[in-house]
Amino acid sequence: MYQLQLAQIILFIVMGFALPALGMIGLAWLLQMLFGYHRPSLIKNQPYECGMKPVQEAALQFDIKYYLYALLFILFDIEIVFIIPWALATDLVSAQMRTPWFGPVEITIFLVILAAGLAYAWKKGALEWEQ
């Protein structure tokens, strides 16, 4: 009985967010198809730079090192997102498992995996800016 009520509440919430959003997107698309016009030209397809003529192409190639640093930052930033709740809930988890060592062992495994990833990135030279 409780699961049915919970499923109904979740369905109500999902539909409450999804239907209006999808309906507005669908309505905007439909109105654009009915009343909008599309006449591309060379001038319209140029990038706009404050009224000045473009100096160079809008699509620039970035060095892959920027993306690599961003990915490594995200990886180790997300580590903090997992470690802080773990530190707050470790007593509860250890009490439920009836083993006081379960929480520390769990986070040690997590940190060893992250340290292995950092060591691998370091060994491959991903952390060196000048190559």
Protein backbone atom coordinates (compact mmCIF):
# COMPACT_ATOMS: atom_id res chain seq x y z
CA MET A 1 0.00 0.00 0.00
CA TYR A 2 2.79 2.38 0.95
CA GLN A 3 4.76 1.63 -2.23
CA LEU A 4 1.69 2.37 -4.36
CA GLN A 5 1.21 5.74 -2.70
CA LEU A 6 4.89 6.55 -3.07
CA ALA A 7 4.79 5.59 -6.77
CA GLN A 8 1.73 7.80 -7.28
CA ILE A 9 3.46 10.75 -5.59
CA ILE A 10 6.61 10.28 -7.69
CA LEU A 11 4.54 9.99 -10.87
CA PHE A 12 2.63 13.15 -9.94
CA ILE A 13 5.86 15.08 -9.36
CA VAL A 14 7.48 13.85 -12.57
CA MET A 15 4.41 14.66 -14.64
CA GLY A 16 4.06 18.02 -12.91
CA PHE A 17 7.53 19.00 -14.06
CA ALA A 18 7.77 17.14 -17.37
CA LEU A 19 4.43 17.92 -18.99
CA PRO A 20 4.54 21.72 -18.66
CA ALA A 21 8.17 21.82 -19.82
CA LEU A 22 7.58 19.55 -22.79
CA GLY A 23 4.32 21.32 -23.56
CA MET A 24 6.00 24.73 -23.66
CA ILE A 25 8.83 23.43 -25.84
CA GLY A 26 6.35 21.74 -28.16
CA LEU A 27 4.18 24.85 -28.33
CA ALA A 28 7.16 27.07 -29.13
CA TRP A 29 8.29 24.66 -31.86
CA LEU A 30 4.79 24.46 -33.32
CA LEU A 31 4.38 28.26 -33.36
CA GLN A 32 7.79 28.65 -35.00
CA MET A 33 6.83 26.15 -37.70
CA LEU A 34 3.48 27.89 -38.31
CA PHE A 35 4.37 31.56 -38.09
CA GLY A 36 8.16 31.77 -38.28
CA TYR A 37 10.30 32.23 -41.33
CA HIS A 38 13.79 31.13 -42.13
CA ARG A 39 15.75 32.93 -44.80
CA PRO A 40 19.45 32.37 -44.18
CA SER A 41 22.03 34.54 -45.91
CA LEU A 42 25.75 35.11 -45.66
CA ILE A 43 25.28 38.25 -43.59
CA LYS A 44 22.84 36.60 -41.16
CA ASN A 45 25.14 33.62 -40.64
CA GLN A 46 28.14 35.75 -39.64
CA PRO A 47 28.94 35.93 -35.95
CA TYR A 48 27.94 39.21 -34.32
CA GLU A 49 30.75 41.08 -32.56
CA CYS A 50 29.30 44.36 -31.30
CA GLY A 51 28.71 45.79 -34.76
CA MET A 52 32.28 45.29 -35.93
CA LYS A 53 33.28 43.02 -38.75
CA PRO A 54 34.61 39.68 -37.52
CA VAL A 55 38.39 39.53 -37.31
CA GLN A 56 38.68 35.76 -37.53
CA GLU A 57 36.56 32.62 -37.68
CA ALA A 58 34.24 32.08 -34.74
CA ALA A 59 35.17 28.42 -34.32
CA LEU A 60 38.60 28.30 -32.67
CA GLN A 61 40.46 25.16 -31.81
CA PHE A 62 41.51 24.92 -28.17
CA ASP A 63 44.44 22.92 -27.00
CA ILE A 64 43.40 19.52 -25.63
CA LYS A 65 45.28 20.27 -22.39
CA TYR A 66 42.50 22.65 -21.33
CA TYR A 67 39.94 19.88 -21.59
CA LEU A 68 42.20 17.44 -19.79
CA TYR A 69 42.67 19.84 -16.88
CA ALA A 70 38.93 20.45 -16.76
CA LEU A 71 38.19 16.73 -16.64
CA LEU A 72 40.75 16.17 -13.90
CA PHE A 73 39.33 19.09 -11.93
CA ILE A 74 35.80 17.71 -12.23
CA LEU A 75 36.99 14.26 -11.18
CA PHE A 76 38.65 15.48 -8.01
CA ASP A 77 35.96 18.07 -7.32
CA ILE A 78 33.32 15.35 -7.35
CA GLU A 79 35.50 13.43 -4.92
CA ILE A 80 34.72 16.09 -2.31
CA VAL A 81 31.01 15.78 -3.07
CA PHE A 82 31.20 12.11 -2.09
CA ILE A 83 33.62 12.42 0.84
CA ILE A 84 31.70 15.04 2.82
CA PRO A 85 28.39 13.10 3.00
CA TRP A 86 30.34 9.95 3.71
CA ALA A 87 32.03 11.61 6.69
CA LEU A 88 28.66 12.73 8.01
CA ALA A 89 26.98 9.33 7.54
CA THR A 90 29.81 6.97 8.44
CA ASP A 91 28.61 6.41 12.01
CA LEU A 92 25.12 5.50 10.81
CA VAL A 93 26.44 3.12 8.15
CA SER A 94 28.82 1.44 10.60
CA ALA A 95 26.00 1.05 13.12
CA GLN A 96 23.69 -0.51 10.55
CA MET A 97 26.39 -2.92 9.37
CA ARG A 98 27.28 -3.68 13.03
CA THR A 99 30.96 -3.35 12.18
CA PRO A 100 32.84 -0.23 13.26
CA TRP A 101 35.47 -0.69 10.53
CA PHE A 102 33.09 -0.76 7.54
CA GLY A 103 32.98 3.03 6.99
CA PRO A 104 36.76 3.63 7.10
CA VAL A 105 37.44 0.62 4.85
CA GLU A 106 34.83 1.84 2.38
CA ILE A 107 36.33 5.33 2.07
CA THR A 108 39.86 3.91 1.96
CA ILE A 109 38.92 1.86 -1.11
CA PHE A 110 37.38 4.97 -2.70
CA LEU A 111 40.49 7.07 -2.00
CA VAL A 112 42.82 4.32 -3.27
CA ILE A 113 40.91 4.24 -6.58
CA LEU A 114 41.18 8.03 -6.86
CA ALA A 115 44.87 7.96 -5.94
CA ALA A 116 45.46 5.32 -8.61
CA GLY A 117 43.74 7.58 -11.15
CA LEU A 118 45.88 10.53 -10.06
CA ALA A 119 49.06 8.44 -10.24
CA TYR A 120 48.11 7.26 -13.73
CA ALA A 121 47.44 10.83 -14.92
CA TRP A 122 50.70 11.99 -13.36
CA LYS A 123 52.67 9.13 -14.96
CA LYS A 124 51.18 9.89 -18.39
CA GLY A 125 52.22 13.55 -18.05
CA ALA A 126 48.67 14.88 -17.97
CA LEU A 127 49.54 17.30 -15.16
CA GLU A 128 52.50 18.88 -16.94
CA TRP A 129 51.54 22.13 -18.65
CA GLU A 130 54.68 22.59 -20.78
CA GLN A 131 55.60 19.59 -22.90
